[in-house]
Amino acid sequence: MKKLLVFLWAILILAFSVPIYSMPVTAIDTAGNLTAALLRPGVTLEAYDKAIRLDPNNVYAYNNRGNAYFNLGQYQRAIEDYSQAVRVDSNHFDAYYNRGNAYLNLGQYQQAIEDYDKAIRFDPKHVYAYNNRGLAYINLGQYQRAIEDYSQVLRLNPNFTFAYNNRGMSHLNLGREDRACKDLQKACELGECAGLNWAEKKGFCFVNDRRL
């Protein structure tokens, strides 16, 4: 299997680099914000600061301020807030997922995996946590574990486009071109063709090939 320069193609607000093979893999990163937040119109960092001053145990204020820092690209500060959220309430699983996303953006993949593990223990159907944990595994070169995560995503949501793309790229890293091309074709049928286009350009897949 030939090694290539690294290229990471991400969806929504992820902007980081550095996997090992240059293939388009997709991260679904809702900035954690399954619960809330982001910066709602009129809600400022100062407002979260004030909420925390009034109630130092306000887990939602810490989580949401972390989301705000995340969206400003201040991932370390986001991690500090998410960490405080779980110190206040160790069952606040959104903060684990959110912190995992921040670690992922910083290239701290093992820490990200540990947080996704926690989020999944609280919510075994957390498709975004499985998807992003799979991306962390890809970055660590643990492609079979990534495949297992993407397969779980697809068991939970058979139309989860990006899981087909990412699982296909993981198969490709393991030299399983037939399986890779089938997954990439499925992703393209669902509207995400970046992976298939890349694989065609590199000579791994062909649209009219019987493998597809």
N, C-alpha and C. Protein backbone atom coordinates (compact mmCIF):
# COMPACT_ATOMS: atom_id res chain seq x y z
N MET A 1 0.85 -1.19 0.00
CA MET A 1 0.00 0.00 0.00
C MET A 1 0.88 1.24 0.00
N LYS A 2 0.70 2.11 -0.94
CA LYS A 2 1.58 3.25 -1.01
C LYS A 2 1.13 4.34 -0.04
N LYS A 3 2.11 4.98 0.59
CA LYS A 3 1.81 6.06 1.51
C LYS A 3 1.74 7.37 0.74
N LEU A 4 0.87 8.23 1.19
CA LEU A 4 0.63 9.48 0.49
C LEU A 4 0.67 10.63 1.48
N LEU A 5 0.75 11.83 0.96
CA LEU A 5 0.69 12.99 1.85
C LEU A 5 -0.65 13.04 2.56
N VAL A 6 -0.62 13.66 3.72
CA VAL A 6 -1.83 13.67 4.53
C VAL A 6 -2.82 14.74 4.09
N PHE A 7 -4.08 14.34 3.97
CA PHE A 7 -5.13 15.31 3.70
C PHE A 7 -6.35 14.95 4.52
N LEU A 8 -6.84 15.89 5.30
CA LEU A 8 -8.01 15.62 6.12
C LEU A 8 -9.11 16.57 5.72
N TRP A 9 -10.21 16.01 5.29
CA TRP A 9 -11.35 16.81 4.85
C TRP A 9 -12.44 16.68 5.90
N ALA A 10 -12.85 17.79 6.50
CA ALA A 10 -13.79 17.69 7.61
C ALA A 10 -15.05 18.48 7.32
N ILE A 11 -16.12 18.08 7.99
CA ILE A 11 -17.41 18.71 7.83
C ILE A 11 -17.68 19.62 9.02
N LEU A 12 -18.46 20.66 8.80
CA LEU A 12 -18.83 21.61 9.84
C LEU A 12 -17.60 22.32 10.35
N ILE A 13 -17.40 22.34 11.69
CA ILE A 13 -16.38 23.23 12.19
C ILE A 13 -15.07 22.60 12.54
N LEU A 14 -14.75 21.45 12.05
CA LEU A 14 -13.44 20.89 12.36
C LEU A 14 -12.41 21.48 11.40
N ALA A 15 -11.29 21.88 11.94
CA ALA A 15 -10.22 22.37 11.09
C ALA A 15 -8.91 21.92 11.71
N PHE A 16 -8.48 20.72 11.39
CA PHE A 16 -7.22 20.23 11.91
C PHE A 16 -6.58 19.35 10.87
N SER A 17 -5.34 18.98 11.10
CA SER A 17 -4.65 18.19 10.10
C SER A 17 -3.89 17.06 10.78
N VAL A 18 -3.27 16.31 10.01
CA VAL A 18 -2.33 15.28 10.36
C VAL A 18 -2.67 13.83 10.45
N PRO A 19 -3.44 13.19 9.66
CA PRO A 19 -3.44 11.74 9.71
C PRO A 19 -2.24 11.20 8.98
N ILE A 20 -2.25 9.90 8.70
CA ILE A 20 -1.03 9.27 8.21
C ILE A 20 -1.08 9.07 6.71
N TYR A 21 -2.25 8.84 6.18
CA TYR A 21 -2.39 8.67 4.74
C TYR A 21 -3.26 9.79 4.22
N SER A 22 -2.96 10.21 2.99
CA SER A 22 -3.65 11.36 2.48
C SER A 22 -4.97 10.97 1.86
N MET A 23 -5.99 10.82 2.68
CA MET A 23 -7.30 10.44 2.19
C MET A 23 -8.35 11.32 2.82
N PRO A 24 -9.42 11.61 2.08
CA PRO A 24 -10.45 12.47 2.66
C PRO A 24 -11.31 11.72 3.66
N VAL A 25 -11.13 11.99 4.93
CA VAL A 25 -12.00 11.41 5.95
C VAL A 25 -12.80 12.54 6.58
N THR A 26 -13.96 12.20 7.06
CA THR A 26 -14.92 13.22 7.45
C THR A 26 -15.25 13.14 8.93
N ALA A 27 -15.18 14.27 9.59
CA ALA A 27 -15.56 14.33 11.00
C ALA A 27 -16.86 15.10 11.14
N ILE A 28 -17.76 14.52 11.89
CA ILE A 28 -18.98 15.23 12.21
C ILE A 28 -18.75 15.85 13.55
N ASP A 29 -18.63 17.15 13.58
CA ASP A 29 -18.37 17.79 14.85
C ASP A 29 -19.42 18.84 15.05
N THR A 30 -20.36 18.58 15.91
CA THR A 30 -21.39 19.56 16.15
C THR A 30 -20.94 20.54 17.20
N ALA A 31 -19.67 20.63 17.41
CA ALA A 31 -19.08 21.47 18.43
C ALA A 31 -19.73 21.11 19.70
N GLY A 32 -20.11 19.99 19.77
CA GLY A 32 -20.58 19.48 20.98
C GLY A 32 -21.98 19.82 21.23
N ASN A 33 -22.60 20.34 20.35
CA ASN A 33 -23.63 21.23 20.78
C ASN A 33 -24.98 20.62 20.55
N LEU A 34 -24.95 19.36 20.99
CA LEU A 34 -26.20 18.64 21.00
C LEU A 34 -27.09 19.29 22.03
N THR A 35 -26.56 19.88 23.01
CA THR A 35 -27.39 20.48 24.06
C THR A 35 -27.56 21.92 23.90
N ALA A 36 -27.01 22.63 23.21
CA ALA A 36 -27.36 23.97 23.50
C ALA A 36 -26.51 24.85 22.81
N ALA A 37 -26.49 25.54 22.90
CA ALA A 37 -25.59 26.44 22.92
C ALA A 37 -25.10 27.05 21.76
N LEU A 38 -23.95 26.66 21.43
CA LEU A 38 -23.20 27.51 20.55
C LEU A 38 -23.38 28.87 21.18
N LEU A 39 -23.11 29.89 20.44
CA LEU A 39 -23.43 31.20 21.01
C LEU A 39 -24.79 31.58 20.46
N ARG A 40 -25.80 31.49 21.29
CA ARG A 40 -27.12 31.90 20.84
C ARG A 40 -27.12 33.41 20.66
N PRO A 41 -27.99 33.93 19.79
CA PRO A 41 -28.00 35.38 19.56
C PRO A 41 -28.13 36.12 20.89
N GLY A 42 -27.21 37.04 21.11
CA GLY A 42 -27.29 37.84 22.33
C GLY A 42 -26.61 37.23 23.53
N VAL A 43 -26.18 35.95 23.42
CA VAL A 43 -25.51 35.32 24.54
C VAL A 43 -24.00 35.44 24.33
N THR A 44 -23.32 36.08 25.25
CA THR A 44 -21.89 36.35 25.09
C THR A 44 -21.09 35.55 26.10
N LEU A 45 -19.79 35.52 25.89
CA LEU A 45 -18.92 34.90 26.88
C LEU A 45 -19.10 35.55 28.25
N GLU A 46 -19.28 36.86 28.23
CA GLU A 46 -19.45 37.57 29.49
C GLU A 46 -20.71 37.09 30.22
N ALA A 47 -21.73 36.75 29.45
CA ALA A 47 -22.96 36.25 30.09
C ALA A 47 -22.71 34.93 30.78
N TYR A 48 -21.92 34.04 30.15
CA TYR A 48 -21.58 32.78 30.80
C TYR A 48 -20.69 33.03 32.02
N ASP A 49 -19.75 33.99 31.89
CA ASP A 49 -18.91 34.34 33.03
C ASP A 49 -19.78 34.76 34.22
N LYS A 50 -20.76 35.58 33.94
CA LYS A 50 -21.64 36.07 35.00
C LYS A 50 -22.44 34.93 35.63
N ALA A 51 -22.96 34.04 34.76
CA ALA A 51 -23.73 32.91 35.28
C ALA A 51 -22.88 32.05 36.21
N ILE A 52 -21.60 31.90 35.86
CA ILE A 52 -20.70 31.08 36.69
C ILE A 52 -20.38 31.79 38.00
N ARG A 53 -20.23 33.11 37.93
CA ARG A 53 -19.98 33.85 39.18
C ARG A 53 -21.16 33.72 40.13
N LEU A 54 -22.37 33.76 39.57
CA LEU A 54 -23.57 33.65 40.40
C LEU A 54 -23.76 32.24 40.94
N ASP A 55 -23.34 31.24 40.15
CA ASP A 55 -23.48 29.85 40.57
C ASP A 55 -22.28 29.07 40.07
N PRO A 56 -21.25 28.94 40.91
CA PRO A 56 -20.02 28.24 40.50
C PRO A 56 -20.23 26.76 40.18
N ASN A 57 -21.41 26.24 40.45
CA ASN A 57 -21.71 24.84 40.14
C ASN A 57 -22.67 24.70 38.95
N ASN A 58 -22.75 25.74 38.15
CA ASN A 58 -23.66 25.73 37.00
C ASN A 58 -23.01 24.96 35.85
N VAL A 59 -23.30 23.67 35.80
CA VAL A 59 -22.64 22.80 34.83
C VAL A 59 -22.96 23.22 33.39
N TYR A 60 -24.17 23.71 33.16
CA TYR A 60 -24.55 24.10 31.80
C TYR A 60 -23.79 25.35 31.36
N ALA A 61 -23.54 26.25 32.29
CA ALA A 61 -22.78 27.45 31.94
C ALA A 61 -21.35 27.08 31.55
N TYR A 62 -20.74 26.16 32.30
CA TYR A 62 -19.38 25.72 31.93
C TYR A 62 -19.39 25.03 30.57
N ASN A 63 -20.35 24.14 30.37
CA ASN A 63 -20.41 23.41 29.10
C ASN A 63 -20.62 24.37 27.94
N ASN A 64 -21.53 25.31 28.12
CA ASN A 64 -21.86 26.21 27.01
C ASN A 64 -20.75 27.23 26.77
N ARG A 65 -20.08 27.66 27.85
CA ARG A 65 -18.94 28.55 27.63
C ARG A 65 -17.83 27.79 26.91
N GLY A 66 -17.69 26.50 27.26
CA GLY A 66 -16.74 25.67 26.52
C GLY A 66 -17.08 25.61 25.05
N ASN A 67 -18.37 25.48 24.73
CA ASN A 67 -18.79 25.48 23.32
C ASN A 67 -18.43 26.78 22.64
N ALA A 68 -18.61 27.89 23.37
CA ALA A 68 -18.27 29.19 22.80
C ALA A 68 -16.78 29.29 22.51
N TYR A 69 -15.96 28.86 23.46
CA TYR A 69 -14.52 28.87 23.21
C TYR A 69 -14.16 27.94 22.05
N PHE A 70 -14.82 26.78 21.99
CA PHE A 70 -14.58 25.85 20.89
C PHE A 70 -14.81 26.54 19.55
N ASN A 71 -15.91 27.23 19.44
CA ASN A 71 -16.26 27.87 18.17
C ASN A 71 -15.36 29.04 17.83
N LEU A 72 -14.63 29.52 18.83
CA LEU A 72 -13.62 30.56 18.58
C LEU A 72 -12.26 29.95 18.29
N GLY A 73 -12.19 28.62 18.28
CA GLY A 73 -10.92 27.95 18.03
C GLY A 73 -10.01 27.91 19.24
N GLN A 74 -10.53 28.26 20.40
CA GLN A 74 -9.73 28.25 21.63
C GLN A 74 -9.95 26.92 22.35
N TYR A 75 -9.37 25.87 21.79
CA TYR A 75 -9.70 24.52 22.23
C TYR A 75 -9.21 24.21 23.64
N GLN A 76 -8.05 24.76 24.02
CA GLN A 76 -7.56 24.49 25.36
C GLN A 76 -8.47 25.12 26.42
N ARG A 77 -8.93 26.32 26.15
CA ARG A 77 -9.85 26.96 27.10
C ARG A 77 -11.18 26.21 27.14
N ALA A 78 -11.60 25.71 25.98
CA ALA A 78 -12.82 24.90 25.94
C ALA A 78 -12.64 23.66 26.82
N ILE A 79 -11.49 23.01 26.70
CA ILE A 79 -11.22 21.81 27.49
C ILE A 79 -11.29 22.12 28.98
N GLU A 80 -10.75 23.26 29.38
CA GLU A 80 -10.80 23.64 30.80
C GLU A 80 -12.23 23.76 31.28
N ASP A 81 -13.10 24.34 30.46
CA ASP A 81 -14.50 24.48 30.87
C ASP A 81 -15.22 23.13 30.88
N TYR A 82 -14.98 22.31 29.88
CA TYR A 82 -15.62 20.99 29.87
C TYR A 82 -15.15 20.16 31.06
N SER A 83 -13.87 20.30 31.40
CA SER A 83 -13.34 19.55 32.54
C SER A 83 -14.00 20.01 33.84
N GLN A 84 -14.23 21.32 33.95
CA GLN A 84 -14.92 21.82 35.14
C GLN A 84 -16.36 21.33 35.17
N ALA A 85 -16.98 21.25 34.00
CA ALA A 85 -18.36 20.75 33.95
C ALA A 85 -18.45 19.33 34.50
N VAL A 86 -17.51 18.46 34.13
CA VAL A 86 -17.59 17.08 34.61
C VAL A 86 -17.10 16.95 36.05
N ARG A 87 -16.30 17.94 36.52
CA ARG A 87 -15.99 17.93 37.95
C ARG A 87 -17.23 18.25 38.77
N VAL A 88 -18.05 19.17 38.25
CA VAL A 88 -19.29 19.52 38.94
C VAL A 88 -20.29 18.39 38.86
N ASP A 89 -20.39 17.77 37.68
CA ASP A 89 -21.37 16.69 37.47
C ASP A 89 -20.72 15.63 36.58
N SER A 90 -20.25 14.56 37.19
CA SER A 90 -19.53 13.53 36.45
C SER A 90 -20.44 12.75 35.50
N ASN A 91 -21.74 12.98 35.56
CA ASN A 91 -22.68 12.31 34.65
C ASN A 91 -23.08 13.20 33.47
N HIS A 92 -22.45 14.34 33.34
CA HIS A 92 -22.82 15.26 32.25
C HIS A 92 -22.09 14.82 30.97
N PHE A 93 -22.70 13.83 30.28
CA PHE A 93 -21.97 13.16 29.20
C PHE A 93 -21.72 14.06 28.00
N ASP A 94 -22.54 15.10 27.80
CA ASP A 94 -22.27 15.99 26.67
C ASP A 94 -20.91 16.65 26.81
N ALA A 95 -20.52 16.95 28.05
CA ALA A 95 -19.22 17.60 28.25
C ALA A 95 -18.08 16.66 27.89
N TYR A 96 -18.25 15.35 28.12
CA TYR A 96 -17.22 14.40 27.70
C TYR A 96 -17.09 14.38 26.18
N TYR A 97 -18.25 14.33 25.51
CA TYR A 97 -18.23 14.34 24.05
C TYR A 97 -17.60 15.63 23.52
N ASN A 98 -18.01 16.75 24.10
CA ASN A 98 -17.48 18.03 23.66
C ASN A 98 -15.97 18.11 23.87
N ARG A 99 -15.54 17.65 25.04
CA ARG A 99 -14.10 17.69 25.33
C ARG A 99 -13.35 16.78 24.37
N GLY A 100 -13.95 15.64 24.04
CA GLY A 100 -13.34 14.76 23.04
C GLY A 100 -13.13 15.48 21.72
N ASN A 101 -14.10 16.27 21.31
CA ASN A 101 -13.97 17.02 20.05
C ASN A 101 -12.84 18.03 20.13
N ALA A 102 -12.71 18.68 21.29
CA ALA A 102 -11.63 19.66 21.45
C ALA A 102 -10.27 18.96 21.40
N TYR A 103 -10.15 17.83 22.09
CA TYR A 103 -8.90 17.07 22.02
C TYR A 103 -8.61 16.63 20.58
N LEU A 104 -9.65 16.23 19.86
CA LEU A 104 -9.48 15.80 18.48
C LEU A 104 -8.89 16.93 17.64
N ASN A 105 -9.40 18.13 17.85
CA ASN A 105 -8.89 19.28 17.10
C ASN A 105 -7.46 19.61 17.44
N LEU A 106 -7.04 19.27 18.65
CA LEU A 106 -5.67 19.53 19.07
C LEU A 106 -4.72 18.39 18.71
N GLY A 107 -5.26 17.34 18.09
CA GLY A 107 -4.42 16.20 17.73
C GLY A 107 -4.08 15.31 18.90
N GLN A 108 -4.81 15.44 19.99
CA GLN A 108 -4.58 14.61 21.18
C GLN A 108 -5.57 13.44 21.13
N TYR A 109 -5.24 12.49 20.26
CA TYR A 109 -6.22 11.48 19.86
C TYR A 109 -6.55 10.49 20.97
N GLN A 110 -5.57 10.11 21.77
CA GLN A 110 -5.86 9.15 22.83
C GLN A 110 -6.80 9.77 23.88
N GLN A 111 -6.56 11.02 24.21
CA GLN A 111 -7.46 11.70 25.15
C GLN A 111 -8.86 11.82 24.57
N ALA A 112 -8.93 12.09 23.27
CA ALA A 112 -10.23 12.18 22.61
C ALA A 112 -10.96 10.85 22.72
N ILE A 113 -10.25 9.76 22.46
CA ILE A 113 -10.87 8.43 22.52
C ILE A 113 -11.40 8.15 23.92
N GLU A 114 -10.62 8.50 24.93
CA GLU A 114 -11.06 8.26 26.31
C GLU A 114 -12.35 9.01 26.61
N ASP A 115 -12.48 10.23 26.11
CA ASP A 115 -13.71 10.99 26.34
C ASP A 115 -14.87 10.44 25.53
N TYR A 116 -14.63 10.03 24.30
CA TYR A 116 -15.70 9.42 23.52
C TYR A 116 -16.16 8.11 24.17
N ASP A 117 -15.21 7.37 24.74
CA ASP A 117 -15.58 6.15 25.47
C ASP A 117 -16.60 6.47 26.57
N LYS A 118 -16.32 7.53 27.31
CA LYS A 118 -17.21 7.92 28.41
C LYS A 118 -18.57 8.35 27.89
N ALA A 119 -18.58 9.14 26.83
CA ALA A 119 -19.85 9.59 26.26
C ALA A 119 -20.67 8.40 25.79
N ILE A 120 -20.01 7.41 25.20
CA ILE A 120 -20.71 6.24 24.68
C ILE A 120 -21.23 5.37 25.82
N ARG A 121 -20.49 5.31 26.93
CA ARG A 121 -21.00 4.54 28.07
C ARG A 121 -22.31 5.13 28.58
N PHE A 122 -22.41 6.46 28.56
CA PHE A 122 -23.65 7.10 28.99
C PHE A 122 -24.74 6.98 27.93
N ASP A 123 -24.35 7.02 26.67
CA ASP A 123 -25.32 6.97 25.58
C ASP A 123 -24.79 6.03 24.49
N PRO A 124 -25.12 4.73 24.57
CA PRO A 124 -24.60 3.75 23.61
C PRO A 124 -25.07 3.97 22.17
N LYS A 125 -25.97 4.91 21.95
CA LYS A 125 -26.45 5.20 20.59
C LYS A 125 -25.93 6.55 20.07
N HIS A 126 -24.87 7.03 20.65
CA HIS A 126 -24.32 8.34 20.30
C HIS A 126 -23.52 8.23 19.00
N VAL A 127 -24.21 8.38 17.87
CA VAL A 127 -23.56 8.14 16.58
C VAL A 127 -22.40 9.09 16.33
N TYR A 128 -22.49 10.33 16.79
CA TYR A 128 -21.41 11.28 16.54
C TYR A 128 -20.16 10.89 17.33
N ALA A 129 -20.35 10.37 18.53
CA ALA A 129 -19.20 9.94 19.32
C ALA A 129 -18.50 8.76 18.64
N TYR A 130 -19.29 7.81 18.13
CA TYR A 130 -18.68 6.69 17.39
C TYR A 130 -17.94 7.19 16.16
N ASN A 131 -18.57 8.09 15.41
CA ASN A 131 -17.95 8.59 14.18
C ASN A 131 -16.63 9.28 14.48
N ASN A 132 -16.63 10.17 15.48
CA ASN A 132 -15.42 10.93 15.76
C ASN A 132 -14.36 10.08 16.45
N ARG A 133 -14.80 9.09 17.25
CA ARG A 133 -13.81 8.17 17.83
C ARG A 133 -13.14 7.38 16.70
N GLY A 134 -13.93 7.03 15.69
CA GLY A 134 -13.34 6.35 14.54
C GLY A 134 -12.28 7.19 13.87
N LEU A 135 -12.51 8.50 13.78
CA LEU A 135 -11.52 9.38 13.17
C LEU A 135 -10.26 9.44 14.02
N ALA A 136 -10.43 9.45 15.34
CA ALA A 136 -9.25 9.42 16.22
C ALA A 136 -8.45 8.14 15.99
N TYR A 137 -9.15 7.01 15.85
CA TYR A 137 -8.46 5.76 15.58
C TYR A 137 -7.72 5.81 14.25
N ILE A 138 -8.33 6.42 13.23
CA ILE A 138 -7.65 6.56 11.94
C ILE A 138 -6.35 7.32 12.11
N ASN A 139 -6.40 8.40 12.86
CA ASN A 139 -5.20 9.21 13.06
C ASN A 139 -4.12 8.46 13.82
N LEU A 140 -4.51 7.47 14.60
CA LEU A 140 -3.53 6.66 15.32
C LEU A 140 -3.12 5.42 14.53
N GLY A 141 -3.67 5.28 13.31
CA GLY A 141 -3.34 4.13 12.48
C GLY A 141 -4.04 2.85 12.90
N GLN A 142 -5.07 2.97 13.73
CA GLN A 142 -5.81 1.79 14.21
C GLN A 142 -7.06 1.62 13.35
N TYR A 143 -6.84 1.19 12.12
CA TYR A 143 -7.90 1.20 11.12
C TYR A 143 -9.00 0.17 11.41
N GLN A 144 -8.64 -0.98 11.94
CA GLN A 144 -9.67 -1.98 12.23
C GLN A 144 -10.62 -1.49 13.32
N ARG A 145 -10.08 -0.81 14.31
CA ARG A 145 -10.94 -0.27 15.37
C ARG A 145 -11.83 0.85 14.80
N ALA A 146 -11.29 1.62 13.87
CA ALA A 146 -12.09 2.65 13.21
C ALA A 146 -13.24 1.99 12.45
N ILE A 147 -12.95 0.92 11.74
CA ILE A 147 -13.99 0.20 10.99
C ILE A 147 -15.09 -0.28 11.92
N GLU A 148 -14.71 -0.79 13.08
CA GLU A 148 -15.71 -1.25 14.04
C GLU A 148 -16.61 -0.11 14.49
N ASP A 149 -16.03 1.07 14.70
CA ASP A 149 -16.85 2.21 15.10
C ASP A 149 -17.79 2.64 13.98
N TYR A 150 -17.29 2.71 12.76
CA TYR A 150 -18.15 3.13 11.65
C TYR A 150 -19.24 2.10 11.38
N SER A 151 -18.93 0.84 11.58
CA SER A 151 -19.95 -0.20 11.41
C SER A 151 -21.05 -0.04 12.45
N GLN A 152 -20.65 0.34 13.67
CA GLN A 152 -21.65 0.60 14.70
C GLN A 152 -22.51 1.81 14.35
N VAL A 153 -21.89 2.84 13.82
CA VAL A 153 -22.66 4.01 13.36
C VAL A 153 -23.73 3.57 12.37
N LEU A 154 -23.33 2.71 11.43
CA LEU A 154 -24.26 2.30 10.37
C LEU A 154 -25.33 1.34 10.88
N ARG A 155 -25.03 0.63 11.94
CA ARG A 155 -26.09 -0.17 12.56
C ARG A 155 -27.14 0.74 13.19
N LEU A 156 -26.68 1.85 13.75
CA LEU A 156 -27.59 2.80 14.39
C LEU A 156 -28.31 3.68 13.36
N ASN A 157 -27.61 3.99 12.28
CA ASN A 157 -28.18 4.86 11.25
C ASN A 157 -27.64 4.42 9.89
N PRO A 158 -28.37 3.56 9.18
CA PRO A 158 -27.88 3.00 7.91
C PRO A 158 -27.64 4.03 6.81
N ASN A 159 -28.12 5.25 6.99
CA ASN A 159 -27.93 6.28 5.98
C ASN A 159 -26.93 7.34 6.41
N PHE A 160 -26.09 7.01 7.35
CA PHE A 160 -25.10 7.97 7.85
C PHE A 160 -23.95 8.03 6.83
N THR A 161 -24.07 9.00 5.95
CA THR A 161 -23.18 9.09 4.78
C THR A 161 -21.71 9.02 5.14
N PHE A 162 -21.31 9.82 6.12
CA PHE A 162 -19.88 9.98 6.38
C PHE A 162 -19.26 8.72 6.96
N ALA A 163 -20.08 7.88 7.59
CA ALA A 163 -19.54 6.62 8.11
C ALA A 163 -19.13 5.70 6.97
N TYR A 164 -19.90 5.69 5.88
CA TYR A 164 -19.49 4.91 4.71
C TYR A 164 -18.17 5.44 4.15
N ASN A 165 -18.06 6.76 4.06
CA ASN A 165 -16.83 7.35 3.54
C ASN A 165 -15.63 6.97 4.41
N ASN A 166 -15.79 7.14 5.73
CA ASN A 166 -14.66 6.91 6.62
C ASN A 166 -14.32 5.42 6.73
N ARG A 167 -15.34 4.56 6.73
CA ARG A 167 -15.07 3.13 6.77
C ARG A 167 -14.36 2.68 5.49
N GLY A 168 -14.80 3.26 4.36
CA GLY A 168 -14.14 2.94 3.10
C GLY A 168 -12.68 3.31 3.12
N MET A 169 -12.37 4.50 3.64
CA MET A 169 -10.98 4.92 3.70
C MET A 169 -10.17 4.04 4.65
N SER A 170 -10.80 3.58 5.72
CA SER A 170 -10.11 2.67 6.65
C SER A 170 -9.81 1.35 5.97
N HIS A 171 -10.79 0.81 5.23
CA HIS A 171 -10.53 -0.42 4.47
C HIS A 171 -9.39 -0.22 3.49
N LEU A 172 -9.36 0.94 2.86
CA LEU A 172 -8.31 1.20 1.88
C LEU A 172 -6.94 1.18 2.54
N ASN A 173 -6.84 1.73 3.74
CA ASN A 173 -5.58 1.71 4.47
C ASN A 173 -5.13 0.29 4.80
N LEU A 174 -6.08 -0.63 4.90
CA LEU A 174 -5.75 -2.02 5.19
C LEU A 174 -5.60 -2.87 3.93
N GLY A 175 -5.67 -2.21 2.76
CA GLY A 175 -5.48 -2.92 1.50
C GLY A 175 -6.71 -3.67 1.02
N ARG A 176 -7.87 -3.37 1.59
CA ARG A 176 -9.11 -4.06 1.20
C ARG A 176 -9.86 -3.20 0.18
N GLU A 177 -9.37 -3.19 -1.01
CA GLU A 177 -9.89 -2.24 -2.00
C GLU A 177 -11.33 -2.54 -2.39
N ASP A 178 -11.70 -3.82 -2.47
CA ASP A 178 -13.08 -4.16 -2.84
C ASP A 178 -14.07 -3.57 -1.83
N ARG A 179 -13.80 -3.82 -0.56
CA ARG A 179 -14.70 -3.30 0.48
C ARG A 179 -14.67 -1.78 0.50
N ALA A 180 -13.49 -1.23 0.33
CA ALA A 180 -13.35 0.23 0.35
C ALA A 180 -14.20 0.86 -0.75
N CYS A 181 -14.09 0.33 -1.95
CA CYS A 181 -14.79 0.94 -3.08
C CYS A 181 -16.31 0.81 -2.93
N LYS A 182 -16.78 -0.29 -2.36
CA LYS A 182 -18.21 -0.44 -2.13
C LYS A 182 -18.72 0.61 -1.13
N ASP A 183 -17.96 0.82 -0.07
CA ASP A 183 -18.36 1.83 0.91
C ASP A 183 -18.31 3.23 0.31
N LEU A 184 -17.28 3.52 -0.45
CA LEU A 184 -17.16 4.86 -1.04
C LEU A 184 -18.25 5.10 -2.08
N GLN A 185 -18.61 4.06 -2.82
CA GLN A 185 -19.71 4.19 -3.77
C GLN A 185 -21.02 4.47 -3.04
N LYS A 186 -21.24 3.77 -1.92
CA LYS A 186 -22.46 4.00 -1.15
C LYS A 186 -22.50 5.42 -0.62
N ALA A 187 -21.37 5.89 -0.12
CA ALA A 187 -21.31 7.27 0.36
C ALA A 187 -21.66 8.25 -0.76
N CYS A 188 -21.15 7.97 -1.94
CA CYS A 188 -21.42 8.87 -3.07
C CYS A 188 -22.89 8.82 -3.46
N GLU A 189 -23.49 7.63 -3.41
CA GLU A 189 -24.93 7.52 -3.69
C GLU A 189 -25.75 8.35 -2.72
N LEU A 190 -25.24 8.49 -1.49
CA LEU A 190 -25.94 9.26 -0.47
C LEU A 190 -25.55 10.74 -0.50
N GLY A 191 -24.68 11.11 -1.45
CA GLY A 191 -24.39 12.53 -1.63
C GLY A 191 -23.00 12.99 -1.25
N GLU A 192 -22.15 12.09 -0.76
CA GLU A 192 -20.79 12.48 -0.38
C GLU A 192 -19.78 11.73 -1.27
N CYS A 193 -19.30 12.42 -2.30
CA CYS A 193 -18.47 11.76 -3.31
C CYS A 193 -16.99 12.08 -3.19
N ALA A 194 -16.58 12.85 -2.19
CA ALA A 194 -15.16 13.24 -2.09
C ALA A 194 -14.25 12.03 -2.00
N GLY A 195 -14.64 11.06 -1.18
CA GLY A 195 -13.79 9.88 -1.01
C GLY A 195 -13.69 9.07 -2.28
N LEU A 196 -14.82 8.84 -2.92
CA LEU A 196 -14.81 8.05 -4.17
C LEU A 196 -14.03 8.77 -5.25
N ASN A 197 -14.22 10.08 -5.38
CA ASN A 197 -13.48 10.84 -6.38
C ASN A 197 -11.98 10.73 -6.15
N TRP A 198 -11.59 10.82 -4.88
CA TRP A 198 -10.17 10.71 -4.53
C TRP A 198 -9.64 9.32 -4.90
N ALA A 199 -10.42 8.28 -4.53
CA ALA A 199 -9.97 6.91 -4.79
C ALA A 199 -9.89 6.63 -6.29
N GLU A 200 -10.82 7.20 -7.07
CA GLU A 200 -10.75 7.05 -8.53
C GLU A 200 -9.50 7.72 -9.09
N LYS A 201 -9.23 8.93 -8.60
CA LYS A 201 -8.07 9.68 -9.09
C LYS A 201 -6.78 8.93 -8.81
N LYS A 202 -6.74 8.24 -7.65
CA LYS A 202 -5.53 7.52 -7.27
C LYS A 202 -5.48 6.11 -7.87
N GLY A 203 -6.53 5.71 -8.58
CA GLY A 203 -6.53 4.42 -9.24
C GLY A 203 -6.97 3.25 -8.38
N PHE A 204 -7.61 3.53 -7.26
CA PHE A 204 -8.09 2.45 -6.40
C PHE A 204 -9.47 1.95 -6.81
N CYS A 205 -10.33 2.85 -7.26
CA CYS A 205 -11.72 2.51 -7.58
C CYS A 205 -12.06 3.04 -8.97
N PHE A 206 -12.98 2.34 -9.63
CA PHE A 206 -13.45 2.76 -10.94
C PHE A 206 -14.95 2.61 -10.97
N VAL A 207 -15.66 3.64 -11.37
CA VAL A 207 -17.10 3.64 -11.30
C VAL A 207 -17.71 2.47 -12.05
N ASN A 208 -17.16 2.11 -13.18
CA ASN A 208 -17.72 1.02 -13.96
C ASN A 208 -17.10 -0.34 -13.65
N ASP A 209 -16.21 -0.33 -12.68
CA ASP A 209 -15.56 -1.58 -12.29
C ASP A 209 -16.54 -2.49 -11.59
N ARG A 210 -16.46 -3.79 -11.82
CA ARG A 210 -17.40 -4.72 -11.21
C ARG A 210 -17.30 -4.75 -9.70
N ARG A 211 -16.15 -4.26 -9.15
CA ARG A 211 -16.03 -4.23 -7.70
C ARG A 211 -17.08 -3.34 -7.07
N LEU A 212 -17.56 -2.34 -7.77
CA LEU A 212 -18.53 -1.43 -7.23
C LEU A 212 -19.93 -1.96 -7.42
